[in-house]
Amino acid sequence: MWYECNNNWHYFGMHGFWWLFWIIALIVIFLVLKPYLINKKEKDSSLEILRRKYASGNISTEEYEERKRILENE
Protein backbone atom coordinates (compact mmCIF):
# COMPACT_ATOMS: atom_id res chain seq x y z
CA MET A 1 0.00 0.00 0.00
CA TRP A 2 1.37 3.35 -1.01
CA TYR A 3 0.61 5.14 2.25
CA GLU A 4 2.83 2.77 4.23
CA CYS A 5 5.97 3.70 2.34
CA ASN A 6 7.37 7.22 2.54
CA ASN A 7 9.34 6.86 -0.68
CA ASN A 8 6.32 6.80 -2.98
CA TRP A 9 5.70 10.52 -3.39
CA HIS A 10 4.86 10.05 -7.08
CA TYR A 11 1.29 9.18 -6.10
CA PHE A 12 0.87 12.54 -4.41
CA GLY A 13 2.39 14.31 -7.39
CA MET A 14 -0.06 12.75 -9.82
CA HIS A 15 -2.95 13.47 -7.48
CA GLY A 16 -1.88 17.11 -7.25
CA PHE A 17 -1.55 17.27 -11.04
CA TRP A 18 -5.15 16.15 -11.55
CA TRP A 19 -6.47 18.65 -9.00
CA LEU A 20 -4.58 21.41 -10.78
CA PHE A 21 -5.80 20.18 -14.18
CA TRP A 22 -9.48 20.22 -13.19
CA ILE A 23 -9.26 23.60 -11.47
CA ILE A 24 -7.66 25.16 -14.57
CA ALA A 25 -10.20 23.42 -16.84
CA LEU A 26 -13.13 24.80 -14.82
CA ILE A 27 -11.67 28.31 -14.85
CA VAL A 28 -11.19 28.18 -18.64
CA ILE A 29 -14.74 26.88 -19.19
CA PHE A 30 -16.13 29.64 -16.97
CA LEU A 31 -14.14 32.34 -18.79
CA VAL A 32 -15.31 31.04 -22.19
CA LEU A 33 -19.00 30.89 -21.19
CA LYS A 34 -19.13 34.12 -19.17
CA PRO A 35 -19.45 36.56 -22.13
CA TYR A 36 -22.21 34.42 -23.67
CA LEU A 37 -24.17 34.31 -20.42
CA ILE A 38 -23.80 38.06 -19.82
CA ASN A 39 -24.91 38.85 -23.39
CA LYS A 40 -27.96 36.62 -23.07
CA LYS A 41 -28.94 38.25 -19.77
CA GLU A 42 -28.67 41.75 -21.26
CA LYS A 43 -30.72 40.75 -24.29
CA ASP A 44 -33.42 39.23 -22.10
CA SER A 45 -33.62 42.35 -19.98
CA SER A 46 -33.93 44.53 -23.11
CA LEU A 47 -36.78 42.37 -24.38
CA GLU A 48 -38.46 42.58 -20.98
CA ILE A 49 -38.29 46.38 -21.04
CA LEU A 50 -39.73 46.37 -24.55
CA ARG A 51 -42.59 44.10 -23.45
CA ARG A 52 -43.39 46.41 -20.54
CA LYS A 53 -43.48 49.46 -22.83
CA TYR A 54 -45.80 47.64 -25.22
CA ALA A 55 -48.05 46.40 -22.41
CA SER A 56 -48.36 49.90 -20.97
CA GLY A 57 -49.27 51.32 -24.39
CA ASN A 58 -46.21 53.53 -24.83
CA ILE A 59 -45.36 52.01 -28.24
CA SER A 60 -47.47 50.72 -31.14
CA THR A 61 -47.67 47.11 -32.31
CA GLU A 62 -45.62 47.86 -35.42
CA GLU A 63 -42.89 49.56 -33.40
CA TYR A 64 -42.89 46.67 -30.91
CA GLU A 65 -42.52 44.05 -33.66
CA GLU A 66 -39.71 46.00 -35.36
CA ARG A 67 -37.72 46.53 -32.17
CA LYS A 68 -38.28 42.94 -31.08
CA ARG A 69 -36.94 41.67 -34.42
CA ILE A 70 -33.86 43.90 -34.07
CA LEU A 71 -33.16 42.74 -30.51
CA GLU A 72 -33.56 39.06 -31.38
CA ASN A 73 -31.15 39.32 -34.32
CA GLU A 74 -28.32 40.76 -32.18
PDB file of N, CA and C in Angstrom:
ATOM      1  N   MET A   1       0.842  -1.181   0.000  1.00  0.00           N
ATOM      2  CA  MET A   1       0.000   0.000   0.000  1.00  0.00           C
ATOM      3  C   MET A   1       0.882   1.238   0.000  1.00  0.00           C
ATOM      4  N   TRP A   2       0.500   2.187  -0.802  1.00  0.00           N
ATOM      5  CA  TRP A   2       1.369   3.346  -1.013  1.00  0.00           C
ATOM      6  C   TRP A   2       1.520   4.226   0.217  1.00  0.00           C
ATOM      7  N   TYR A   3       0.527   4.252   1.089  1.00  0.00           N
ATOM      8  CA  TYR A   3       0.607   5.136   2.251  1.00  0.00           C
ATOM      9  C   TYR A   3       1.538   4.606   3.332  1.00  0.00           C
ATOM     10  N   GLU A   4       1.933   3.338   3.229  1.00  0.00           N
ATOM     11  CA  GLU A   4       2.834   2.768   4.226  1.00  0.00           C
ATOM     12  C   GLU A   4       4.295   3.087   3.937  1.00  0.00           C
ATOM     13  N   CYS A   5       4.586   3.449   2.707  1.00  0.00           N
ATOM     14  CA  CYS A   5       5.975   3.701   2.336  1.00  0.00           C
ATOM     15  C   CYS A   5       6.175   5.189   2.071  1.00  0.00           C
ATOM     16  N   ASN A   6       7.122   5.794   2.695  1.00  0.00           N
ATOM     17  CA  ASN A   6       7.372   7.222   2.543  1.00  0.00           C
ATOM     18  C   ASN A   6       8.084   7.571   1.252  1.00  0.00           C
ATOM     19  N   ASN A   7       8.591   6.592   0.537  1.00  0.00           N
ATOM     20  CA  ASN A   7       9.342   6.863  -0.681  1.00  0.00           C
ATOM     21  C   ASN A   7       8.465   6.966  -1.925  1.00  0.00           C
ATOM     22  N   ASN A   8       7.207   6.797  -1.806  1.00  0.00           N
ATOM     23  CA  ASN A   8       6.316   6.799  -2.976  1.00  0.00           C
ATOM     24  C   ASN A   8       5.584   8.127  -3.116  1.00  0.00           C
ATOM     25  N   TRP A   9       6.313   9.205  -3.255  1.00  0.00           N
ATOM     26  CA  TRP A   9       5.702  10.523  -3.393  1.00  0.00           C
ATOM     27  C   TRP A   9       5.104  10.743  -4.778  1.00  0.00           C
ATOM     28  N   HIS A  10       5.396   9.873  -5.731  1.00  0.00           N
ATOM     29  CA  HIS A  10       4.856  10.053  -7.077  1.00  0.00           C
ATOM     30  C   HIS A  10       3.328   9.945  -7.089  1.00  0.00           C
ATOM     31  N   TYR A  11       2.746   9.229  -6.175  1.00  0.00           N
ATOM     32  CA  TYR A  11       1.286   9.181  -6.096  1.00  0.00           C
ATOM     33  C   TYR A  11       0.716  10.548  -5.753  1.00  0.00           C
ATOM     34  N   PHE A  12       1.327  11.202  -4.790  1.00  0.00           N
ATOM     35  CA  PHE A  12       0.868  12.536  -4.409  1.00  0.00           C
ATOM     36  C   PHE A  12       1.049  13.522  -5.561  1.00  0.00           C
ATOM     37  N   GLY A  13       2.137  13.416  -6.267  1.00  0.00           N
ATOM     38  CA  GLY A  13       2.394  14.305  -7.392  1.00  0.00           C
ATOM     39  C   GLY A  13       1.339  14.165  -8.472  1.00  0.00           C
ATOM     40  N   MET A  14       0.960  12.969  -8.806  1.00  0.00           N
ATOM     41  CA  MET A  14      -0.059  12.750  -9.824  1.00  0.00           C
ATOM     42  C   MET A  14      -1.419  13.228  -9.320  1.00  0.00           C
ATOM     43  N   HIS A  15      -1.704  13.010  -8.072  1.00  0.00           N
ATOM     44  CA  HIS A  15      -2.952  13.471  -7.479  1.00  0.00           C
ATOM     45  C   HIS A  15      -3.024  14.996  -7.543  1.00  0.00           C
ATOM     46  N   GLY A  16      -1.949  15.644  -7.188  1.00  0.00           N
ATOM     47  CA  GLY A  16      -1.885  17.105  -7.254  1.00  0.00           C
ATOM     48  C   GLY A  16      -2.031  17.607  -8.683  1.00  0.00           C
ATOM     49  N   PHE A  17      -1.428  16.895  -9.624  1.00  0.00           N
ATOM     50  CA  PHE A  17      -1.555  17.274 -11.037  1.00  0.00           C
ATOM     51  C   PHE A  17      -3.011  17.269 -11.478  1.00  0.00           C
ATOM     52  N   TRP A  18      -3.737  16.226 -11.131  1.00  0.00           N
ATOM     53  CA  TRP A  18      -5.149  16.154 -11.553  1.00  0.00           C
ATOM     54  C   TRP A  18      -5.996  17.229 -10.900  1.00  0.00           C
ATOM     55  N   TRP A  19      -5.744  17.547  -9.640  1.00  0.00           N
ATOM     56  CA  TRP A  19      -6.469  18.651  -8.999  1.00  0.00           C
ATOM     57  C   TRP A  19      -6.207  19.951  -9.746  1.00  0.00           C
ATOM     58  N   LEU A  20      -4.958  20.206 -10.048  1.00  0.00           N
ATOM     59  CA  LEU A  20      -4.583  21.410 -10.775  1.00  0.00           C
ATOM     60  C   LEU A  20      -5.216  21.424 -12.172  1.00  0.00           C
ATOM     61  N   PHE A  21      -5.201  20.299 -12.857  1.00  0.00           N
ATOM     62  CA  PHE A  21      -5.796  20.183 -14.183  1.00  0.00           C
ATOM     63  C   PHE A  21      -7.281  20.546 -14.161  1.00  0.00           C
ATOM     64  N   TRP A  22      -8.035  19.971 -13.228  1.00  0.00           N
ATOM     65  CA  TRP A  22      -9.481  20.224 -13.191  1.00  0.00           C
ATOM     66  C   TRP A  22      -9.804  21.653 -12.758  1.00  0.00           C
ATOM     67  N   ILE A  23      -9.032  22.211 -11.876  1.00  0.00           N
ATOM     68  CA  ILE A  23      -9.258  23.602 -11.472  1.00  0.00           C
ATOM     69  C   ILE A  23      -9.032  24.532 -12.653  1.00  0.00           C
ATOM     70  N   ILE A  24      -7.941  24.327 -13.386  1.00  0.00           N
ATOM     71  CA  ILE A  24      -7.663  25.161 -14.566  1.00  0.00           C
ATOM     72  C   ILE A  24      -8.730  24.947 -15.630  1.00  0.00           C
ATOM     73  N   ALA A  25      -9.162  23.709 -15.839  1.00  0.00           N
ATOM     74  CA  ALA A  25     -10.198  23.422 -16.837  1.00  0.00           C
ATOM     75  C   ALA A  25     -11.504  24.132 -16.493  1.00  0.00           C
ATOM     76  N   LEU A  26     -11.906  24.121 -15.234  1.00  0.00           N
ATOM     77  CA  LEU A  26     -13.135  24.795 -14.825  1.00  0.00           C
ATOM     78  C   LEU A  26     -13.031  26.313 -14.986  1.00  0.00           C
ATOM     79  N   ILE A  27     -11.869  26.871 -14.682  1.00  0.00           N
ATOM     80  CA  ILE A  27     -11.674  28.313 -14.853  1.00  0.00           C
ATOM     81  C   ILE A  27     -11.768  28.683 -16.330  1.00  0.00           C
ATOM     82  N   VAL A  28     -11.144  27.902 -17.193  1.00  0.00           N
ATOM     83  CA  VAL A  28     -11.191  28.180 -18.635  1.00  0.00           C
ATOM     84  C   VAL A  28     -12.618  28.071 -19.153  1.00  0.00           C
ATOM     85  N   ILE A  29     -13.345  27.047 -18.751  1.00  0.00           N
ATOM     86  CA  ILE A  29     -14.735  26.884 -19.188  1.00  0.00           C
ATOM     87  C   ILE A  29     -15.571  28.076 -18.728  1.00  0.00           C
ATOM     88  N   PHE A  30     -15.391  28.499 -17.495  1.00  0.00           N
ATOM     89  CA  PHE A  30     -16.134  29.645 -16.974  1.00  0.00           C
ATOM     90  C   PHE A  30     -15.812  30.906 -17.768  1.00  0.00           C
ATOM     91  N   LEU A  31     -14.539  31.141 -18.055  1.00  0.00           N
ATOM     92  CA  LEU A  31     -14.144  32.344 -18.792  1.00  0.00           C
ATOM     93  C   LEU A  31     -14.669  32.332 -20.226  1.00  0.00           C
ATOM     94  N   VAL A  32     -14.788  31.149 -20.824  1.00  0.00           N
ATOM     95  CA  VAL A  32     -15.313  31.042 -22.187  1.00  0.00           C
ATOM     96  C   VAL A  32     -16.819  31.293 -22.193  1.00  0.00           C
ATOM     97  N   LEU A  33     -17.539  30.776 -21.213  1.00  0.00           N
ATOM     98  CA  LEU A  33     -18.998  30.891 -21.189  1.00  0.00           C
ATOM     99  C   LEU A  33     -19.497  32.216 -20.617  1.00  0.00           C
ATOM    100  N   LYS A  34     -18.691  32.895 -19.847  1.00  0.00           N
ATOM    101  CA  LYS A  34     -19.127  34.117 -19.173  1.00  0.00           C
ATOM    102  C   LYS A  34     -19.644  35.186 -20.142  1.00  0.00           C
ATOM    103  N   PRO A  35     -18.932  35.522 -21.220  1.00  0.00           N
ATOM    104  CA  PRO A  35     -19.449  36.559 -22.131  1.00  0.00           C
ATOM    105  C   PRO A  35     -20.788  36.162 -22.757  1.00  0.00           C
ATOM    106  N   TYR A  36     -20.951  34.891 -23.086  1.00  0.00           N
ATOM    107  CA  TYR A  36     -22.213  34.423 -23.672  1.00  0.00           C
ATOM    108  C   TYR A  36     -23.355  34.582 -22.670  1.00  0.00           C
ATOM    109  N   LEU A  37     -23.119  34.219 -21.424  1.00  0.00           N
ATOM    110  CA  LEU A  37     -24.169  34.309 -20.418  1.00  0.00           C
ATOM    111  C   LEU A  37     -24.523  35.762 -20.112  1.00  0.00           C
ATOM    112  N   ILE A  38     -23.540  36.642 -20.077  1.00  0.00           N
ATOM    113  CA  ILE A  38     -23.800  38.058 -19.821  1.00  0.00           C
ATOM    114  C   ILE A  38     -24.584  38.660 -20.978  1.00  0.00           C
ATOM    115  N   ASN A  39     -24.200  38.344 -22.217  1.00  0.00           N
ATOM    116  CA  ASN A  39     -24.912  38.854 -23.393  1.00  0.00           C
ATOM    117  C   ASN A  39     -26.365  38.405 -23.389  1.00  0.00           C
ATOM    118  N   LYS A  40     -26.599  37.144 -23.083  1.00  0.00           N
ATOM    119  CA  LYS A  40     -27.963  36.621 -23.065  1.00  0.00           C
ATOM    120  C   LYS A  40     -28.795  37.328 -21.996  1.00  0.00           C
ATOM    121  N   LYS A  41     -28.217  37.588 -20.851  1.00  0.00           N
ATOM    122  CA  LYS A  41     -28.936  38.253 -19.770  1.00  0.00           C
ATOM    123  C   LYS A  41     -29.311  39.675 -20.177  1.00  0.00           C
ATOM    124  N   GLU A  42     -28.391  40.394 -20.819  1.00  0.00           N
ATOM    125  CA  GLU A  42     -28.674  41.751 -21.261  1.00  0.00           C
ATOM    126  C   GLU A  42     -29.759  41.767 -22.323  1.00  0.00           C
ATOM    127  N   LYS A  43     -29.719  40.813 -23.240  1.00  0.00           N
ATOM    128  CA  LYS A  43     -30.722  40.750 -24.292  1.00  0.00           C
ATOM    129  C   LYS A  43     -32.096  40.465 -23.692  1.00  0.00           C
ATOM    130  N   ASP A  44     -32.154  39.547 -22.740  1.00  0.00           N
ATOM    131  CA  ASP A  44     -33.423  39.228 -22.096  1.00  0.00           C
ATOM    132  C   ASP A  44     -33.979  40.445 -21.358  1.00  0.00           C
ATOM    133  N   SER A  45     -33.127  41.196 -20.703  1.00  0.00           N
ATOM    134  CA  SER A  45     -33.620  42.353 -19.980  1.00  0.00           C
ATOM    135  C   SER A  45     -34.113  43.428 -20.948  1.00  0.00           C
ATOM    136  N   SER A  46     -33.477  43.568 -22.109  1.00  0.00           N
ATOM    137  CA  SER A  46     -33.932  44.527 -23.114  1.00  0.00           C
ATOM    138  C   SER A  46     -35.301  44.131 -23.657  1.00  0.00           C
ATOM    139  N   LEU A  47     -35.482  42.845 -23.901  1.00  0.00           N
ATOM    140  CA  LEU A  47     -36.783  42.373 -24.376  1.00  0.00           C
ATOM    141  C   LEU A  47     -37.862  42.573 -23.311  1.00  0.00           C
ATOM    142  N   GLU A  48     -37.495  42.382 -22.067  1.00  0.00           N
ATOM    143  CA  GLU A  48     -38.464  42.575 -20.981  1.00  0.00           C
ATOM    144  C   GLU A  48     -38.896  44.036 -20.892  1.00  0.00           C
ATOM    145  N   ILE A  49     -37.959  44.951 -21.042  1.00  0.00           N
ATOM    146  CA  ILE A  49     -38.292  46.385 -21.035  1.00  0.00           C
ATOM    147  C   ILE A  49     -39.208  46.711 -22.204  1.00  0.00           C
ATOM    148  N   LEU A  50     -38.891  46.145 -23.369  1.00  0.00           N
ATOM    149  CA  LEU A  50     -39.731  46.369 -24.554  1.00  0.00           C
ATOM    150  C   LEU A  50     -41.146  45.830 -24.331  1.00  0.00           C
ATOM    151  N   ARG A  51     -41.257  44.663 -23.735  1.00  0.00           N
ATOM    152  CA  ARG A  51     -42.587  44.097 -23.445  1.00  0.00           C
ATOM    153  C   ARG A  51     -43.378  44.986 -22.489  1.00  0.00           C
ATOM    154  N   ARG A  52     -42.702  45.532 -21.488  1.00  0.00           N
ATOM    155  CA  ARG A  52     -43.390  46.414 -20.542  1.00  0.00           C
ATOM    156  C   ARG A  52     -43.893  47.690 -21.225  1.00  0.00           C
ATOM    157  N   LYS A  53     -43.068  48.260 -22.101  1.00  0.00           N
ATOM    158  CA  LYS A  53     -43.484  49.458 -22.827  1.00  0.00           C
ATOM    159  C   LYS A  53     -44.688  49.170 -23.711  1.00  0.00           C
ATOM    160  N   TYR A  54     -44.675  48.016 -24.362  1.00  0.00           N
ATOM    161  CA  TYR A  54     -45.798  47.639 -25.220  1.00  0.00           C
ATOM    162  C   TYR A  54     -47.061  47.390 -24.391  1.00  0.00           C
ATOM    163  N   ALA A  55     -46.904  46.706 -23.268  1.00  0.00           N
ATOM    164  CA  ALA A  55     -48.054  46.402 -22.412  1.00  0.00           C
ATOM    165  C   ALA A  55     -48.661  47.670 -21.817  1.00  0.00           C
ATOM    166  N   SER A  56     -47.833  48.664 -21.539  1.00  0.00           N
ATOM    167  CA  SER A  56     -48.362  49.901 -20.971  1.00  0.00           C
ATOM    168  C   SER A  56     -48.933  50.840 -22.037  1.00  0.00           C
ATOM    169  N   GLY A  57     -48.712  50.504 -23.306  1.00  0.00           N
ATOM    170  CA  GLY A  57     -49.269  51.319 -24.389  1.00  0.00           C
ATOM    171  C   GLY A  57     -48.379  52.453 -24.843  1.00  0.00           C
ATOM    172  N   ASN A  58     -47.133  52.464 -24.439  1.00  0.00           N
ATOM    173  CA  ASN A  58     -46.212  53.529 -24.835  1.00  0.00           C
ATOM    174  C   ASN A  58     -45.743  53.411 -26.283  1.00  0.00           C
ATOM    175  N   ILE A  59     -45.778  52.191 -26.851  1.00  0.00           N
ATOM    176  CA  ILE A  59     -45.360  52.005 -28.245  1.00  0.00           C
ATOM    177  C   ILE A  59     -46.435  51.226 -28.989  1.00  0.00           C
ATOM    178  N   SER A  60     -46.464  51.391 -30.302  1.00  0.00           N
ATOM    179  CA  SER A  60     -47.466  50.715 -31.137  1.00  0.00           C
ATOM    180  C   SER A  60     -47.031  49.274 -31.412  1.00  0.00           C
ATOM    181  N   THR A  61     -47.964  48.500 -31.974  1.00  0.00           N
ATOM    182  CA  THR A  61     -47.673  47.109 -32.309  1.00  0.00           C
ATOM    183  C   THR A  61     -46.579  47.021 -33.363  1.00  0.00           C
ATOM    184  N   GLU A  62     -46.626  47.883 -34.360  1.00  0.00           N
ATOM    185  CA  GLU A  62     -45.618  47.856 -35.424  1.00  0.00           C
ATOM    186  C   GLU A  62     -44.227  48.174 -34.861  1.00  0.00           C
ATOM    187  N   GLU A  63     -44.162  49.181 -34.006  1.00  0.00           N
ATOM    188  CA  GLU A  63     -42.891  49.558 -33.403  1.00  0.00           C
ATOM    189  C   GLU A  63     -42.372  48.442 -32.500  1.00  0.00           C
ATOM    190  N   TYR A  64     -43.271  47.793 -31.771  1.00  0.00           N
ATOM    191  CA  TYR A  64     -42.892  46.674 -30.912  1.00  0.00           C
ATOM    192  C   TYR A  64     -42.295  45.539 -31.733  1.00  0.00           C
ATOM    193  N   GLU A  65     -42.983  45.154 -32.813  1.00  0.00           N
ATOM    194  CA  GLU A  65     -42.516  44.054 -33.660  1.00  0.00           C
ATOM    195  C   GLU A  65     -41.156  44.376 -34.280  1.00  0.00           C
ATOM    196  N   GLU A  66     -40.975  45.608 -34.738  1.00  0.00           N
ATOM    197  CA  GLU A  66     -39.712  46.001 -35.364  1.00  0.00           C
ATOM    198  C   GLU A  66     -38.557  45.958 -34.354  1.00  0.00           C
ATOM    199  N   ARG A  67     -38.775  46.521 -33.182  1.00  0.00           N
ATOM    200  CA  ARG A  67     -37.718  46.535 -32.165  1.00  0.00           C
ATOM    201  C   ARG A  67     -37.421  45.132 -31.653  1.00  0.00           C
ATOM    202  N   LYS A  68     -38.462  44.317 -31.526  1.00  0.00           N
ATOM    203  CA  LYS A  68     -38.276  42.937 -31.079  1.00  0.00           C
ATOM    204  C   LYS A  68     -37.430  42.164 -32.088  1.00  0.00           C
ATOM    205  N   ARG A  69     -37.710  42.362 -33.364  1.00  0.00           N
ATOM    206  CA  ARG A  69     -36.939  41.675 -34.418  1.00  0.00           C
ATOM    207  C   ARG A  69     -35.469  42.106 -34.358  1.00  0.00           C
ATOM    208  N   ILE A  70     -35.233  43.393 -34.161  1.00  0.00           N
ATOM    209  CA  ILE A  70     -33.857  43.897 -34.073  1.00  0.00           C
ATOM    210  C   ILE A  70     -33.134  43.309 -32.860  1.00  0.00           C
ATOM    211  N   LEU A  71     -33.796  43.278 -31.714  1.00  0.00           N
ATOM    212  CA  LEU A  71     -33.163  42.737 -30.507  1.00  0.00           C
ATOM    213  C   LEU A  71     -32.871  41.240 -30.618  1.00  0.00           C
ATOM    214  N   GLU A  72     -33.768  40.507 -31.250  1.00  0.00           N
ATOM    215  CA  GLU A  72     -33.565  39.058 -31.375  1.00  0.00           C
ATOM    216  C   GLU A  72     -32.473  38.719 -32.367  1.00  0.00           C
ATOM    217  N   ASN A  73     -32.200  39.591 -33.334  1.00  0.00           N
ATOM    218  CA  ASN A  73     -31.146  39.322 -34.321  1.00  0.00           C
ATOM    219  C   ASN A  73     -29.757  39.656 -33.808  1.00  0.00           C
ATOM    220  N   GLU A  74     -29.643  40.386 -32.720  1.00  0.00           N
ATOM    221  CA  GLU A  74     -28.316  40.759 -32.183  1.00  0.00           C
ATOM    222  C   GLU A  74     -27.644  39.584 -31.559  1.00  0.00           C
TER     223      GLU A  74
END
